[in-house]
Amino acid sequence: MLNEVTEAPDNTAVRCALWRAMHVRVDAPPHVLEDEVGLRLVDPGPDWPKRPDMDPEATRAFRAAMVARARFAEDLVAEQAGQGVTQYVILGAGLDTFAQRRPELAARLRVFEIDQPATQSFKRRRLTRLGYGVPEGLRLVPVDFEAGESWWERLAAAGFEPDRPAVIVSTGVSMYLTEDAIAATLRRIAALAPGSTLAMSFLLPSDLVAEADRPGLRTSQEGARASGTPFVSFFSPQDMLTLAREAGLENARHVPGSVLAERYFADRTDGLRPSSGEDFLMATV
């Protein structure tokens, strides 16, 4: 059980893992992403669907957004691996389960998962207990951001090769970072080897969010603040592109969340659609 361990992932990582599982258990097929491994990692007990933040109707747009962004990232990784890229870095990995669900693809890559030490310790223990283990190609990279540790230095120490291209993915993270911290991360990524690709999600200001989704955004903000991890950064697409280009990512482009909605949900008959408000910054080095 999750509450039986001293170190545990943060609430956001747990919630995302459970929403991905709920997509499989509640929503009709075809599923955008099939992921119940995260549920096994969390091991929340039989009553987890009764949690207030797991209400099937109230959360359907949010869980759709979670699986859409995860699928988008994995499609990008598959595409880049097909072009010979062999390094995949997940900034703020949480309880990501790509390496466990896509072992054939993961075997062609060196996967680096960066997150807080407590999350990494918990995940390593649970992967071992469940029999997945931590293969050579999966590097769990603990970084104590609060203590000022450099994710770049820790990544290099874990075996990342900066002279070889990589895919860098960061979803659901930028809203917790200051603009200065995001700019510093973008500058570091801009210095990667040619052929590297970045996909980073970001939140839109409320006035750019569909009116129907604004109450949900406010609820998310209140929940994040109450849990001690408030949202601090919102960007218009143009402001995010400017930030990226000033950091040296001249080939930056904006991918609206509506593109993901059309790509993965267009033919559904149950009306399931992701909430608006989270877009992607894409860039190539």
C-alpha atoms as a PDB file:
ATOM      1  CA  MET A   1       0.000   0.000   0.000  1.00  0.00           C
ATOM      2  CA  LEU A   2       1.147   3.520  -0.768  1.00  0.00           C
ATOM      3  CA  ASN A   3       0.847   4.683   2.831  1.00  0.00           C
ATOM      4  CA  GLU A   4       3.100   1.889   4.038  1.00  0.00           C
ATOM      5  CA  VAL A   5       6.246   3.459   2.612  1.00  0.00           C
ATOM      6  CA  THR A   6       8.174   6.386   4.009  1.00  0.00           C
ATOM      7  CA  GLU A   7       9.058   7.974   0.677  1.00  0.00           C
ATOM      8  CA  ALA A   8       6.332   8.514  -1.845  1.00  0.00           C
ATOM      9  CA  PRO A   9       5.733  10.386  -5.087  1.00  0.00           C
ATOM     10  CA  ASP A  10       3.910  13.693  -4.937  1.00  0.00           C
ATOM     11  CA  ASN A  11       0.142  13.924  -5.263  1.00  0.00           C
ATOM     12  CA  THR A  12       0.302  15.109  -8.860  1.00  0.00           C
ATOM     13  CA  ALA A  13       2.236  12.043 -10.004  1.00  0.00           C
ATOM     14  CA  VAL A  14      -0.184   9.732  -8.214  1.00  0.00           C
ATOM     15  CA  ARG A  15      -3.253  11.481  -9.611  1.00  0.00           C
ATOM     16  CA  CYS A  16      -1.935  11.316 -13.183  1.00  0.00           C
ATOM     17  CA  ALA A  17      -1.171   7.604 -12.826  1.00  0.00           C
ATOM     18  CA  LEU A  18      -4.669   6.895 -11.544  1.00  0.00           C
ATOM     19  CA  TRP A  19      -6.323   8.964 -14.274  1.00  0.00           C
ATOM     20  CA  ARG A  20      -4.438   6.990 -16.913  1.00  0.00           C
ATOM     21  CA  ALA A  21      -5.744   3.773 -15.364  1.00  0.00           C
ATOM     22  CA  MET A  22      -9.253   5.204 -15.145  1.00  0.00           C
ATOM     23  CA  HIS A  23      -9.178   5.895 -18.885  1.00  0.00           C
ATOM     24  CA  VAL A  24      -8.750   2.160 -19.447  1.00  0.00           C
ATOM     25  CA  ARG A  25     -11.349   1.121 -16.894  1.00  0.00           C
ATOM     26  CA  VAL A  26     -14.077   3.708 -17.477  1.00  0.00           C
ATOM     27  CA  ASP A  27     -13.809   5.033 -21.030  1.00  0.00           C
ATOM     28  CA  ALA A  28     -14.880   2.972 -24.022  1.00  0.00           C
ATOM     29  CA  PRO A  29     -12.258   1.579 -26.389  1.00  0.00           C
ATOM     30  CA  PRO A  30     -10.301   2.345 -28.423  1.00  0.00           C
ATOM     31  CA  HIS A  31      -8.104   3.695 -25.657  1.00  0.00           C
ATOM     32  CA  VAL A  32      -5.699   6.495 -26.496  1.00  0.00           C
ATOM     33  CA  LEU A  33      -3.185   5.026 -24.055  1.00  0.00           C
ATOM     34  CA  GLU A  34      -3.384   1.738 -22.204  1.00  0.00           C
ATOM     35  CA  ASP A  35      -1.644   2.203 -18.892  1.00  0.00           C
ATOM     36  CA  GLU A  36      -2.471   0.323 -15.725  1.00  0.00           C
ATOM     37  CA  VAL A  37       1.165  -0.087 -14.739  1.00  0.00           C
ATOM     38  CA  GLY A  38       1.039   3.249 -12.920  1.00  0.00           C
ATOM     39  CA  LEU A  39      -1.889   1.965 -10.889  1.00  0.00           C
ATOM     40  CA  ARG A  40       0.167  -1.070  -9.882  1.00  0.00           C
ATOM     41  CA  LEU A  41       3.035   1.178  -8.864  1.00  0.00           C
ATOM     42  CA  VAL A  42       0.812   3.341  -6.677  1.00  0.00           C
ATOM     43  CA  ASP A  43      -1.114   0.400  -5.193  1.00  0.00           C
ATOM     44  CA  PRO A  44      -3.759   2.706  -3.693  1.00  0.00           C
ATOM     45  CA  GLY A  45      -6.112   0.033  -2.385  1.00  0.00           C
ATOM     46  CA  PRO A  46      -9.526  -1.068  -3.679  1.00  0.00           C
ATOM     47  CA  ASP A  47     -11.347   2.161  -2.850  1.00  0.00           C
ATOM     48  CA  TRP A  48      -9.251   4.414  -5.090  1.00  0.00           C
ATOM     49  CA  PRO A  49     -12.080   4.980  -7.635  1.00  0.00           C
ATOM     50  CA  LYS A  50     -14.084   6.582  -4.806  1.00  0.00           C
ATOM     51  CA  ARG A  51     -11.554   9.375  -4.320  1.00  0.00           C
ATOM     52  CA  PRO A  52     -13.128  12.803  -4.957  1.00  0.00           C
ATOM     53  CA  ASP A  53     -10.545  13.500  -7.677  1.00  0.00           C
ATOM     54  CA  MET A  54     -11.477  10.269  -9.478  1.00  0.00           C
ATOM     55  CA  ASP A  55     -15.138  11.063 -10.136  1.00  0.00           C
ATOM     56  CA  PRO A  56     -15.712   9.544 -13.608  1.00  0.00           C
ATOM     57  CA  GLU A  57     -17.775  12.401 -14.999  1.00  0.00           C
ATOM     58  CA  ALA A  58     -16.075  15.355 -13.327  1.00  0.00           C
ATOM     59  CA  THR A  59     -12.607  14.199 -14.407  1.00  0.00           C
ATOM     60  CA  ARG A  60     -13.258  12.846 -17.912  1.00  0.00           C
ATOM     61  CA  ALA A  61     -11.803  15.861 -19.750  1.00  0.00           C
ATOM     62  CA  PHE A  62      -8.747  15.939 -17.476  1.00  0.00           C
ATOM     63  CA  ARG A  63      -7.931  12.259 -17.855  1.00  0.00           C
ATOM     64  CA  ALA A  64      -8.416  12.618 -21.610  1.00  0.00           C
ATOM     65  CA  ALA A  65      -5.844  15.422 -21.569  1.00  0.00           C
ATOM     66  CA  MET A  66      -3.436  13.260 -19.533  1.00  0.00           C
ATOM     67  CA  VAL A  67      -3.534  10.343 -21.945  1.00  0.00           C
ATOM     68  CA  ALA A  68      -3.435  12.624 -24.994  1.00  0.00           C
ATOM     69  CA  ARG A  69      -0.223  14.345 -23.959  1.00  0.00           C
ATOM     70  CA  ALA A  70       1.390  11.027 -22.970  1.00  0.00           C
ATOM     71  CA  ARG A  71       0.436   9.461 -26.303  1.00  0.00           C
ATOM     72  CA  PHE A  72       1.704  12.523 -28.180  1.00  0.00           C
ATOM     73  CA  ALA A  73       5.076  12.245 -26.433  1.00  0.00           C
ATOM     74  CA  GLU A  74       5.373   8.524 -27.097  1.00  0.00           C
ATOM     75  CA  ASP A  75       4.476   8.924 -30.753  1.00  0.00           C
ATOM     76  CA  LEU A  76       7.248  11.508 -31.006  1.00  0.00           C
ATOM     77  CA  VAL A  77       9.734   9.157 -29.336  1.00  0.00           C
ATOM     78  CA  ALA A  78       8.793   6.318 -31.689  1.00  0.00           C
ATOM     79  CA  GLU A  79       9.231   8.624 -34.679  1.00  0.00           C
ATOM     80  CA  GLN A  80      12.637   9.863 -33.524  1.00  0.00           C
ATOM     81  CA  ALA A  81      13.842   6.372 -32.627  1.00  0.00           C
ATOM     82  CA  GLY A  82      12.964   5.378 -36.171  1.00  0.00           C
ATOM     83  CA  GLN A  83      15.352   8.087 -37.338  1.00  0.00           C
ATOM     84  CA  GLY A  84      18.190   6.748 -35.208  1.00  0.00           C
ATOM     85  CA  VAL A  85      17.870   8.805 -32.014  1.00  0.00           C
ATOM     86  CA  THR A  86      18.862   6.637 -29.052  1.00  0.00           C
ATOM     87  CA  GLN A  87      18.423   8.896 -25.987  1.00  0.00           C
ATOM     88  CA  TYR A  88      15.110   9.829 -24.365  1.00  0.00           C
ATOM     89  CA  VAL A  89      15.010  12.253 -21.428  1.00  0.00           C
ATOM     90  CA  ILE A  90      11.842  12.787 -19.377  1.00  0.00           C
ATOM     91  CA  LEU A  91      12.007  15.941 -17.256  1.00  0.00           C
ATOM     92  CA  GLY A  92       9.644  15.575 -14.307  1.00  0.00           C
ATOM     93  CA  ALA A  93       8.925  11.924 -15.057  1.00  0.00           C
ATOM     94  CA  GLY A  94       6.705  11.236 -12.059  1.00  0.00           C
ATOM     95  CA  LEU A  95       5.333   7.715 -12.437  1.00  0.00           C
ATOM     96  CA  ASP A  96       5.864   7.504 -16.186  1.00  0.00           C
ATOM     97  CA  THR A  97       5.582   3.910 -17.410  1.00  0.00           C
ATOM     98  CA  PHE A  98       6.843   4.110 -20.989  1.00  0.00           C
ATOM     99  CA  ALA A  99       9.771   1.761 -20.333  1.00  0.00           C
ATOM    100  CA  GLN A 100       7.486  -0.878 -18.806  1.00  0.00           C
ATOM    101  CA  ARG A 101       4.673  -0.644 -21.376  1.00  0.00           C
ATOM    102  CA  ARG A 102       6.808  -0.271 -24.510  1.00  0.00           C
ATOM    103  CA  PRO A 103       9.756  -2.593 -23.784  1.00  0.00           C
ATOM    104  CA  GLU A 104      10.582  -3.267 -27.451  1.00  0.00           C
ATOM    105  CA  LEU A 105      10.864   0.449 -28.190  1.00  0.00           C
ATOM    106  CA  ALA A 106      12.584   1.208 -24.890  1.00  0.00           C
ATOM    107  CA  ALA A 107      15.193  -1.462 -25.675  1.00  0.00           C
ATOM    108  CA  ARG A 108      16.350   0.692 -28.620  1.00  0.00           C
ATOM    109  CA  LEU A 109      16.870   3.685 -26.330  1.00  0.00           C
ATOM    110  CA  ARG A 110      18.582   4.831 -23.195  1.00  0.00           C
ATOM    111  CA  VAL A 111      15.749   6.319 -21.141  1.00  0.00           C
ATOM    112  CA  PHE A 112      16.553   8.933 -18.481  1.00  0.00           C
ATOM    113  CA  GLU A 113      13.787   9.753 -16.014  1.00  0.00           C
ATOM    114  CA  ILE A 114      14.459  12.899 -13.963  1.00  0.00           C
ATOM    115  CA  ASP A 115      12.485  13.672 -10.824  1.00  0.00           C
ATOM    116  CA  GLN A 116      12.703  14.327  -7.093  1.00  0.00           C
ATOM    117  CA  PRO A 117      14.645  11.785  -4.987  1.00  0.00           C
ATOM    118  CA  ALA A 118      11.564  10.614  -3.052  1.00  0.00           C
ATOM    119  CA  THR A 119       9.705   9.800  -6.257  1.00  0.00           C
ATOM    120  CA  GLN A 120      12.690   7.985  -7.739  1.00  0.00           C
ATOM    121  CA  SER A 121      13.328   5.977  -4.579  1.00  0.00           C
ATOM    122  CA  PHE A 122       9.680   4.952  -4.398  1.00  0.00           C
ATOM    123  CA  LYS A 123       9.555   4.003  -8.053  1.00  0.00           C
ATOM    124  CA  ARG A 124      12.749   1.974  -7.941  1.00  0.00           C
ATOM    125  CA  ARG A 125      11.434   0.021  -4.961  1.00  0.00           C
ATOM    126  CA  ARG A 126       8.051  -0.620  -6.553  1.00  0.00           C
ATOM    127  CA  LEU A 127       9.510  -1.659  -9.931  1.00  0.00           C
ATOM    128  CA  THR A 128      11.678  -4.183  -8.139  1.00  0.00           C
ATOM    129  CA  ARG A 129       8.837  -5.477  -5.996  1.00  0.00           C
ATOM    130  CA  LEU A 130       6.528  -5.890  -8.989  1.00  0.00           C
ATOM    131  CA  GLY A 131       9.149  -7.786 -10.967  1.00  0.00           C
ATOM    132  CA  TYR A 132       9.857  -5.173 -13.629  1.00  0.00           C
ATOM    133  CA  GLY A 133      13.226  -4.251 -12.209  1.00  0.00           C
ATOM    134  CA  VAL A 134      15.340  -1.377 -13.512  1.00  0.00           C
ATOM    135  CA  PRO A 135      17.106  -2.525 -16.680  1.00  0.00           C
ATOM    136  CA  GLU A 136      20.421  -1.095 -17.825  1.00  0.00           C
ATOM    137  CA  GLY A 137      18.732   1.113 -20.398  1.00  0.00           C
ATOM    138  CA  LEU A 138      16.502   2.838 -17.829  1.00  0.00           C
ATOM    139  CA  ARG A 139      18.228   5.457 -15.722  1.00  0.00           C
ATOM    140  CA  LEU A 140      16.251   6.876 -12.770  1.00  0.00           C
ATOM    141  CA  VAL A 141      17.937  10.226 -12.153  1.00  0.00           C
ATOM    142  CA  PRO A 142      17.138  11.792  -8.748  1.00  0.00           C
ATOM    143  CA  VAL A 143      17.535  15.565  -8.614  1.00  0.00           C
ATOM    144  CA  ASP A 144      16.902  17.602  -5.478  1.00  0.00           C
ATOM    145  CA  PHE A 145      15.701  20.801  -7.110  1.00  0.00           C
ATOM    146  CA  GLU A 146      14.929  22.414  -3.749  1.00  0.00           C
ATOM    147  CA  ALA A 147      18.566  21.982  -2.727  1.00  0.00           C
ATOM    148  CA  GLY A 148      19.712  23.618  -5.959  1.00  0.00           C
ATOM    149  CA  GLU A 149      21.028  20.488  -7.653  1.00  0.00           C
ATOM    150  CA  SER A 150      21.633  20.771 -11.399  1.00  0.00           C
ATOM    151  CA  TRP A 151      19.515  18.374 -13.451  1.00  0.00           C
ATOM    152  CA  TRP A 152      22.046  18.690 -16.249  1.00  0.00           C
ATOM    153  CA  GLU A 153      24.952  17.570 -14.071  1.00  0.00           C
ATOM    154  CA  ARG A 154      22.961  14.679 -12.654  1.00  0.00           C
ATOM    155  CA  LEU A 155      21.904  13.671 -16.174  1.00  0.00           C
ATOM    156  CA  ALA A 156      25.497  13.646 -17.393  1.00  0.00           C
ATOM    157  CA  ALA A 157      26.541  11.590 -14.361  1.00  0.00           C
ATOM    158  CA  ALA A 158      23.855   9.040 -15.251  1.00  0.00           C
ATOM    159  CA  GLY A 159      25.457   8.397 -18.634  1.00  0.00           C
ATOM    160  CA  PHE A 160      23.771  10.895 -20.936  1.00  0.00           C
ATOM    161  CA  GLU A 161      25.929  11.647 -23.988  1.00  0.00           C
ATOM    162  CA  PRO A 162      25.572  15.353 -24.860  1.00  0.00           C
ATOM    163  CA  ASP A 163      27.252  14.910 -28.243  1.00  0.00           C
ATOM    164  CA  ARG A 164      24.488  12.558 -29.407  1.00  0.00           C
ATOM    165  CA  PRO A 165      20.940  13.695 -30.267  1.00  0.00           C
ATOM    166  CA  ALA A 166      18.099  13.103 -27.831  1.00  0.00           C
ATOM    167  CA  VAL A 167      14.371  13.524 -27.386  1.00  0.00           C
ATOM    168  CA  ILE A 168      13.549  15.723 -24.377  1.00  0.00           C
ATOM    169  CA  VAL A 169       9.981  15.591 -23.076  1.00  0.00           C
ATOM    170  CA  SER A 170       8.478  17.632 -20.254  1.00  0.00           C
ATOM    171  CA  THR A 171       4.726  17.427 -19.649  1.00  0.00           C
ATOM    172  CA  GLY A 172       2.794  18.931 -16.777  1.00  0.00           C
ATOM    173  CA  VAL A 173       5.894  20.574 -15.298  1.00  0.00           C
ATOM    174  CA  SER A 174       6.363  24.109 -16.638  1.00  0.00           C
ATOM    175  CA  MET A 175       3.435  25.546 -14.676  1.00  0.00           C
ATOM    176  CA  TYR A 176       5.326  24.847 -11.436  1.00  0.00           C
ATOM    177  CA  LEU A 177       8.490  26.649 -12.588  1.00  0.00           C
ATOM    178  CA  THR A 178       9.371  30.318 -12.785  1.00  0.00           C
ATOM    179  CA  GLU A 179       9.941  31.892 -16.165  1.00  0.00           C
ATOM    180  CA  ASP A 180      13.650  32.206 -15.337  1.00  0.00           C
ATOM    181  CA  ALA A 181      13.883  28.496 -14.542  1.00  0.00           C
ATOM    182  CA  ILE A 182      12.107  27.583 -17.777  1.00  0.00           C
ATOM    183  CA  ALA A 183      14.396  29.877 -19.782  1.00  0.00           C
ATOM    184  CA  ALA A 184      17.459  28.281 -18.189  1.00  0.00           C
ATOM    185  CA  THR A 185      16.178  24.818 -19.115  1.00  0.00           C
ATOM    186  CA  LEU A 186      15.502  25.922 -22.698  1.00  0.00           C
ATOM    187  CA  ARG A 187      19.016  27.352 -23.012  1.00  0.00           C
ATOM    188  CA  ARG A 188      20.476  24.052 -21.870  1.00  0.00           C
ATOM    189  CA  ILE A 189      18.355  22.139 -24.380  1.00  0.00           C
ATOM    190  CA  ALA A 190      19.336  24.556 -27.172  1.00  0.00           C
ATOM    191  CA  ALA A 191      22.955  23.509 -26.578  1.00  0.00           C
ATOM    192  CA  LEU A 192      22.236  19.817 -27.197  1.00  0.00           C
ATOM    193  CA  ALA A 193      23.538  17.946 -30.214  1.00  0.00           C
ATOM    194  CA  PRO A 194      21.970  18.752 -33.596  1.00  0.00           C
ATOM    195  CA  GLY A 195      19.040  16.467 -34.289  1.00  0.00           C
ATOM    196  CA  SER A 196      17.674  16.756 -30.751  1.00  0.00           C
ATOM    197  CA  THR A 197      13.966  17.432 -30.254  1.00  0.00           C
ATOM    198  CA  LEU A 198      12.029  19.058 -27.400  1.00  0.00           C
ATOM    199  CA  ALA A 199       8.354  18.645 -26.533  1.00  0.00           C
ATOM    200  CA  MET A 200       7.226  20.697 -23.523  1.00  0.00           C
ATOM    201  CA  SER A 201       3.669  21.348 -22.413  1.00  0.00           C
ATOM    202  CA  PHE A 202       2.614  24.687 -20.936  1.00  0.00           C
ATOM    203  CA  LEU A 203      -0.554  26.191 -19.513  1.00  0.00           C
ATOM    204  CA  LEU A 204      -2.416  29.013 -21.198  1.00  0.00           C
ATOM    205  CA  PRO A 205      -3.665  32.076 -19.292  1.00  0.00           C
ATOM    206  CA  SER A 206      -7.323  31.686 -18.326  1.00  0.00           C
ATOM    207  CA  ASP A 207      -8.497  34.218 -20.930  1.00  0.00           C
ATOM    208  CA  LEU A 208      -7.161  31.920 -23.675  1.00  0.00           C
ATOM    209  CA  VAL A 209      -8.846  28.826 -22.245  1.00  0.00           C
ATOM    210  CA  ALA A 210     -12.255  27.741 -23.524  1.00  0.00           C
ATOM    211  CA  GLU A 211     -14.920  29.194 -21.261  1.00  0.00           C
ATOM    212  CA  ALA A 212     -16.317  25.756 -20.437  1.00  0.00           C
ATOM    213  CA  ASP A 213     -12.900  24.660 -19.151  1.00  0.00           C
ATOM    214  CA  ARG A 214     -12.168  27.698 -16.967  1.00  0.00           C
ATOM    215  CA  PRO A 215     -13.873  26.328 -13.827  1.00  0.00           C
ATOM    216  CA  GLY A 216     -11.751  23.198 -14.124  1.00  0.00           C
ATOM    217  CA  LEU A 217      -8.605  25.294 -14.446  1.00  0.00           C
ATOM    218  CA  ARG A 218      -9.532  27.235 -11.314  1.00  0.00           C
ATOM    219  CA  THR A 219     -10.159  23.982  -9.442  1.00  0.00           C
ATOM    220  CA  SER A 220      -6.760  22.667 -10.551  1.00  0.00           C
ATOM    221  CA  GLN A 221      -5.074  25.872  -9.425  1.00  0.00           C
ATOM    222  CA  GLU A 222      -6.760  25.737  -6.028  1.00  0.00           C
ATOM    223  CA  GLY A 223      -5.815  22.099  -5.572  1.00  0.00           C
ATOM    224  CA  ALA A 224      -2.205  22.745  -6.543  1.00  0.00           C
ATOM    225  CA  ARG A 225      -1.990  25.677  -4.127  1.00  0.00           C
ATOM    226  CA  ALA A 226      -3.538  23.660  -1.298  1.00  0.00           C
ATOM    227  CA  SER A 227      -1.019  20.844  -1.813  1.00  0.00           C
ATOM    228  CA  GLY A 228       1.909  23.274  -1.617  1.00  0.00           C
ATOM    229  CA  THR A 229       2.782  23.191  -5.335  1.00  0.00           C
ATOM    230  CA  PRO A 230       1.063  26.269  -6.801  1.00  0.00           C
ATOM    231  CA  PHE A 231       0.981  27.060 -10.504  1.00  0.00           C
ATOM    232  CA  VAL A 232       3.349  29.959 -11.112  1.00  0.00           C
ATOM    233  CA  SER A 233       3.714  30.184 -14.906  1.00  0.00           C
ATOM    234  CA  PHE A 234       1.206  30.653 -17.712  1.00  0.00           C
ATOM    235  CA  PHE A 235       2.126  31.607 -21.272  1.00  0.00           C
ATOM    236  CA  SER A 236       0.372  32.695 -24.405  1.00  0.00           C
ATOM    237  CA  PRO A 237       1.671  30.699 -27.390  1.00  0.00           C
ATOM    238  CA  GLN A 238       3.509  33.747 -28.723  1.00  0.00           C
ATOM    239  CA  ASP A 239       5.163  34.453 -25.368  1.00  0.00           C
ATOM    240  CA  MET A 240       6.326  30.847 -25.114  1.00  0.00           C
ATOM    241  CA  LEU A 241       7.721  30.927 -28.638  1.00  0.00           C
ATOM    242  CA  THR A 242       9.548  34.170 -27.864  1.00  0.00           C
ATOM    243  CA  LEU A 243      11.042  32.657 -24.707  1.00  0.00           C
ATOM    244  CA  ALA A 244      12.217  29.593 -26.638  1.00  0.00           C
ATOM    245  CA  ARG A 245      13.734  31.556 -29.491  1.00  0.00           C
ATOM    246  CA  GLU A 246      15.513  33.932 -27.122  1.00  0.00           C
ATOM    247  CA  ALA A 247      16.972  30.823 -25.468  1.00  0.00           C
ATOM    248  CA  GLY A 248      18.433  29.732 -28.800  1.00  0.00           C
ATOM    249  CA  LEU A 249      15.718  27.406 -30.077  1.00  0.00           C
ATOM    250  CA  GLU A 250      15.182  29.101 -33.418  1.00  0.00           C
ATOM    251  CA  ASN A 251      13.084  26.244 -34.825  1.00  0.00           C
ATOM    252  CA  ALA A 252      10.444  26.449 -32.085  1.00  0.00           C
ATOM    253  CA  ARG A 253       6.800  25.978 -32.979  1.00  0.00           C
ATOM    254  CA  HIS A 254       3.470  25.862 -31.188  1.00  0.00           C
ATOM    255  CA  VAL A 255       1.201  22.806 -31.158  1.00  0.00           C
ATOM    256  CA  PRO A 256      -2.292  23.636 -29.822  1.00  0.00           C
ATOM    257  CA  GLY A 257      -4.026  21.132 -27.602  1.00  0.00           C
ATOM    258  CA  SER A 258      -6.785  21.044 -30.201  1.00  0.00           C
ATOM    259  CA  VAL A 259      -4.369  19.252 -32.547  1.00  0.00           C
ATOM    260  CA  LEU A 260      -4.052  16.423 -30.023  1.00  0.00           C
ATOM    261  CA  ALA A 261      -7.824  16.356 -29.584  1.00  0.00           C
ATOM    262  CA  GLU A 262      -8.364  15.942 -33.311  1.00  0.00           C
ATOM    263  CA  ARG A 263      -5.577  13.400 -33.692  1.00  0.00           C
ATOM    264  CA  TYR A 264      -6.670  11.058 -30.905  1.00  0.00           C
ATOM    265  CA  PHE A 265     -10.373  11.717 -30.252  1.00  0.00           C
ATOM    266  CA  ALA A 266     -11.943  12.787 -33.569  1.00  0.00           C
ATOM    267  CA  ASP A 267     -13.762   9.534 -34.318  1.00  0.00           C
ATOM    268  CA  ARG A 268     -15.042   8.766 -30.840  1.00  0.00           C
ATOM    269  CA  THR A 269     -18.778   8.333 -30.375  1.00  0.00           C
ATOM    270  CA  ASP A 270     -18.815   8.857 -26.589  1.00  0.00           C
ATOM    271  CA  GLY A 271     -17.951  12.560 -26.687  1.00  0.00           C
ATOM    272  CA  LEU A 272     -14.709  12.116 -24.767  1.00  0.00           C
ATOM    273  CA  ARG A 273     -12.425  15.082 -25.448  1.00  0.00           C
ATOM    274  CA  PRO A 274      -9.460  16.556 -23.565  1.00  0.00           C
ATOM    275  CA  SER A 275      -9.891  19.832 -21.742  1.00  0.00           C
ATOM    276  CA  SER A 276      -8.325  22.882 -23.351  1.00  0.00           C
ATOM    277  CA  GLY A 277      -5.670  25.033 -21.729  1.00  0.00           C
ATOM    278  CA  GLU A 278      -2.488  22.986 -22.129  1.00  0.00           C
ATOM    279  CA  ASP A 279      -0.528  23.373 -25.370  1.00  0.00           C
ATOM    280  CA  PHE A 280       2.895  22.168 -26.520  1.00  0.00           C
ATOM    281  CA  LEU A 281       6.120  23.887 -27.386  1.00  0.00           C
ATOM    282  CA  MET A 282       8.010  21.855 -29.981  1.00  0.00           C
ATOM    283  CA  ALA A 283      11.573  22.630 -31.035  1.00  0.00           C
ATOM    284  CA  THR A 284      14.450  21.038 -32.900  1.00  0.00           C
ATOM    285  CA  VAL A 285      18.126  21.737 -32.414  1.00  0.00           C
END
